Amino acid sequence: MLYTRQNDLPHARLGVVVAKRFAPRAATRNTIKRVTRELFRISALQPVDCVVRLAKAVNSKAGPATTAQLKAELRAELTRLFAAQRVRKAP
């Protein structure tokens, strides 16, 4: 999930929340944070405060089994969320 709010700064800011109950392994939580920060840097958003929060478990039987699959799914979802935000907030 992506929450946003306008800010008075000349740049966007990011917060990432990955609960241990949704991603029990520290390596998985760190991967999610790393990919999120990478995509945020290249997304060129307007000056907004963004909070990305994991909304469902990623280490489930229905979820991705490998780090490569997790990264691919995460990149696709975050790209979609950031692109929607960029279109909505454009002047």
C-alpha atoms as a PDB file:
ATOM      1  CA  MET A   1       0.000   0.000   0.000  1.00  0.00           C
ATOM      2  CA  LEU A   2       1.144   3.536  -0.721  1.00  0.00           C
ATOM      3  CA  TYR A   3       0.094   6.496   1.420  1.00  0.00           C
ATOM      4  CA  THR A   4       1.000  10.020   0.303  1.00  0.00           C
ATOM      5  CA  ARG A   5       0.684  13.571   1.530  1.00  0.00           C
ATOM      6  CA  GLN A   6       1.926  16.812   0.006  1.00  0.00           C
ATOM      7  CA  ASN A   7       4.937  18.433   1.692  1.00  0.00           C
ATOM      8  CA  ASP A   8       6.497  21.885   1.528  1.00  0.00           C
ATOM      9  CA  LEU A   9       9.982  20.621   0.690  1.00  0.00           C
ATOM     10  CA  PRO A  10      11.544  20.699  -2.779  1.00  0.00           C
ATOM     11  CA  HIS A  11      11.794  16.887  -2.845  1.00  0.00           C
ATOM     12  CA  ALA A  12       9.832  13.756  -2.021  1.00  0.00           C
ATOM     13  CA  ARG A  13      10.462  11.692   1.113  1.00  0.00           C
ATOM     14  CA  LEU A  14       9.973   7.972   1.719  1.00  0.00           C
ATOM     15  CA  GLY A  15       9.086   5.778   4.665  1.00  0.00           C
ATOM     16  CA  VAL A  16       8.931   1.983   4.443  1.00  0.00           C
ATOM     17  CA  VAL A  17       7.038  -0.227   6.898  1.00  0.00           C
ATOM     18  CA  VAL A  18       7.586  -3.988   6.663  1.00  0.00           C
ATOM     19  CA  ALA A  19       6.001  -5.786   9.589  1.00  0.00           C
ATOM     20  CA  LYS A  20       7.667  -8.918  10.889  1.00  0.00           C
ATOM     21  CA  ARG A  21       4.336 -10.760  10.779  1.00  0.00           C
ATOM     22  CA  PHE A  22       4.156 -10.238   6.989  1.00  0.00           C
ATOM     23  CA  ALA A  23       7.842 -10.972   6.292  1.00  0.00           C
ATOM     24  CA  PRO A  24       9.302 -13.060   9.143  1.00  0.00           C
ATOM     25  CA  ARG A  25      12.820 -13.307   7.691  1.00  0.00           C
ATOM     26  CA  ALA A  26      15.099 -10.291   8.101  1.00  0.00           C
ATOM     27  CA  ALA A  27      16.653 -10.924   4.685  1.00  0.00           C
ATOM     28  CA  THR A  28      13.214 -10.666   3.075  1.00  0.00           C
ATOM     29  CA  ARG A  29      12.391  -7.448   4.932  1.00  0.00           C
ATOM     30  CA  ASN A  30      15.721  -5.917   3.898  1.00  0.00           C
ATOM     31  CA  THR A  31      15.177  -6.935   0.262  1.00  0.00           C
ATOM     32  CA  ILE A  32      11.756  -5.284   0.261  1.00  0.00           C
ATOM     33  CA  LYS A  33      13.188  -2.071   1.722  1.00  0.00           C
ATOM     34  CA  ARG A  34      16.124  -2.031  -0.687  1.00  0.00           C
ATOM     35  CA  VAL A  35      13.964  -2.499  -3.794  1.00  0.00           C
ATOM     36  CA  THR A  36      11.471   0.105  -2.561  1.00  0.00           C
ATOM     37  CA  ARG A  37      14.185   2.724  -2.026  1.00  0.00           C
ATOM     38  CA  GLU A  38      15.716   1.968  -5.436  1.00  0.00           C
ATOM     39  CA  LEU A  39      12.415   2.446  -7.276  1.00  0.00           C
ATOM     40  CA  PHE A  40      11.561   5.545  -5.248  1.00  0.00           C
ATOM     41  CA  ARG A  41      14.840   7.199  -6.288  1.00  0.00           C
ATOM     42  CA  ILE A  42      14.179   6.671  -9.999  1.00  0.00           C
ATOM     43  CA  SER A  43      10.447   7.499  -9.908  1.00  0.00           C
ATOM     44  CA  ALA A  44      10.863  11.327  -9.951  1.00  0.00           C
ATOM     45  CA  LEU A  45       7.833  12.128  -7.791  1.00  0.00           C
ATOM     46  CA  GLN A  46       6.512  15.575  -6.971  1.00  0.00           C
ATOM     47  CA  PRO A  47       7.261  16.881  -3.437  1.00  0.00           C
ATOM     48  CA  VAL A  48       5.234  14.395  -1.394  1.00  0.00           C
ATOM     49  CA  ASP A  49       5.764  12.293   1.694  1.00  0.00           C
ATOM     50  CA  CYS A  50       5.287   8.621   0.798  1.00  0.00           C
ATOM     51  CA  VAL A  51       4.829   5.691   3.141  1.00  0.00           C
ATOM     52  CA  VAL A  52       4.976   2.217   1.626  1.00  0.00           C
ATOM     53  CA  ARG A  53       3.442  -0.461   3.839  1.00  0.00           C
ATOM     54  CA  LEU A  54       3.407  -4.185   3.202  1.00  0.00           C
ATOM     55  CA  ALA A  55      -0.232  -5.297   3.246  1.00  0.00           C
ATOM     56  CA  LYS A  56      -0.019  -9.073   2.930  1.00  0.00           C
ATOM     57  CA  ALA A  57       2.377 -11.849   3.825  1.00  0.00           C
ATOM     58  CA  VAL A  58       5.119 -12.585   1.313  1.00  0.00           C
ATOM     59  CA  ASN A  59       6.471 -15.826   2.795  1.00  0.00           C
ATOM     60  CA  SER A  60       3.306 -17.834   2.249  1.00  0.00           C
ATOM     61  CA  LYS A  61       2.688 -20.850   0.045  1.00  0.00           C
ATOM     62  CA  ALA A  62       0.812 -18.640  -2.425  1.00  0.00           C
ATOM     63  CA  GLY A  63       3.611 -16.022  -2.443  1.00  0.00           C
ATOM     64  CA  PRO A  64       6.918 -16.002  -4.296  1.00  0.00           C
ATOM     65  CA  ALA A  65       9.319 -18.782  -3.344  1.00  0.00           C
ATOM     66  CA  THR A  66      12.599 -17.126  -4.326  1.00  0.00           C
ATOM     67  CA  THR A  67      14.175 -13.729  -3.903  1.00  0.00           C
ATOM     68  CA  ALA A  68      14.179 -13.217  -7.685  1.00  0.00           C
ATOM     69  CA  GLN A  69      10.425 -13.808  -7.852  1.00  0.00           C
ATOM     70  CA  LEU A  70       9.852 -11.535  -4.874  1.00  0.00           C
ATOM     71  CA  LYS A  71      11.911  -8.739  -6.438  1.00  0.00           C
ATOM     72  CA  ALA A  72      10.083  -9.061  -9.775  1.00  0.00           C
ATOM     73  CA  GLU A  73       6.632  -8.926  -8.153  1.00  0.00           C
ATOM     74  CA  LEU A  74       7.662  -6.091  -5.850  1.00  0.00           C
ATOM     75  CA  ARG A  75       9.133  -4.033  -8.693  1.00  0.00           C
ATOM     76  CA  ALA A  76       5.969  -4.466 -10.768  1.00  0.00           C
ATOM     77  CA  GLU A  77       3.666  -3.424  -7.928  1.00  0.00           C
ATOM     78  CA  LEU A  78       5.779  -0.466  -6.766  1.00  0.00           C
ATOM     79  CA  THR A  79       6.269   0.789 -10.314  1.00  0.00           C
ATOM     80  CA  ARG A  80       2.487   0.756 -10.740  1.00  0.00           C
ATOM     81  CA  LEU A  81       1.907   2.584  -7.428  1.00  0.00           C
ATOM     82  CA  PHE A  82       4.570   5.245  -8.024  1.00  0.00           C
ATOM     83  CA  ALA A  83       3.433   5.802 -11.646  1.00  0.00           C
ATOM     84  CA  ALA A  84      -0.157   6.330 -10.492  1.00  0.00           C
ATOM     85  CA  GLN A  85       1.058   8.845  -7.919  1.00  0.00           C
ATOM     86  CA  ARG A  86       3.185  10.677 -10.485  1.00  0.00           C
ATOM     87  CA  VAL A  87       0.213  11.019 -12.870  1.00  0.00           C
ATOM     88  CA  ARG A  88      -2.211  12.096 -10.147  1.00  0.00           C
ATOM     89  CA  LYS A  89       0.035  14.781  -8.621  1.00  0.00           C
ATOM     90  CA  ALA A  90       1.404  16.275 -11.852  1.00  0.00           C
ATOM     91  CA  PRO A  91       0.611  20.038 -12.267  1.00  0.00           C
END
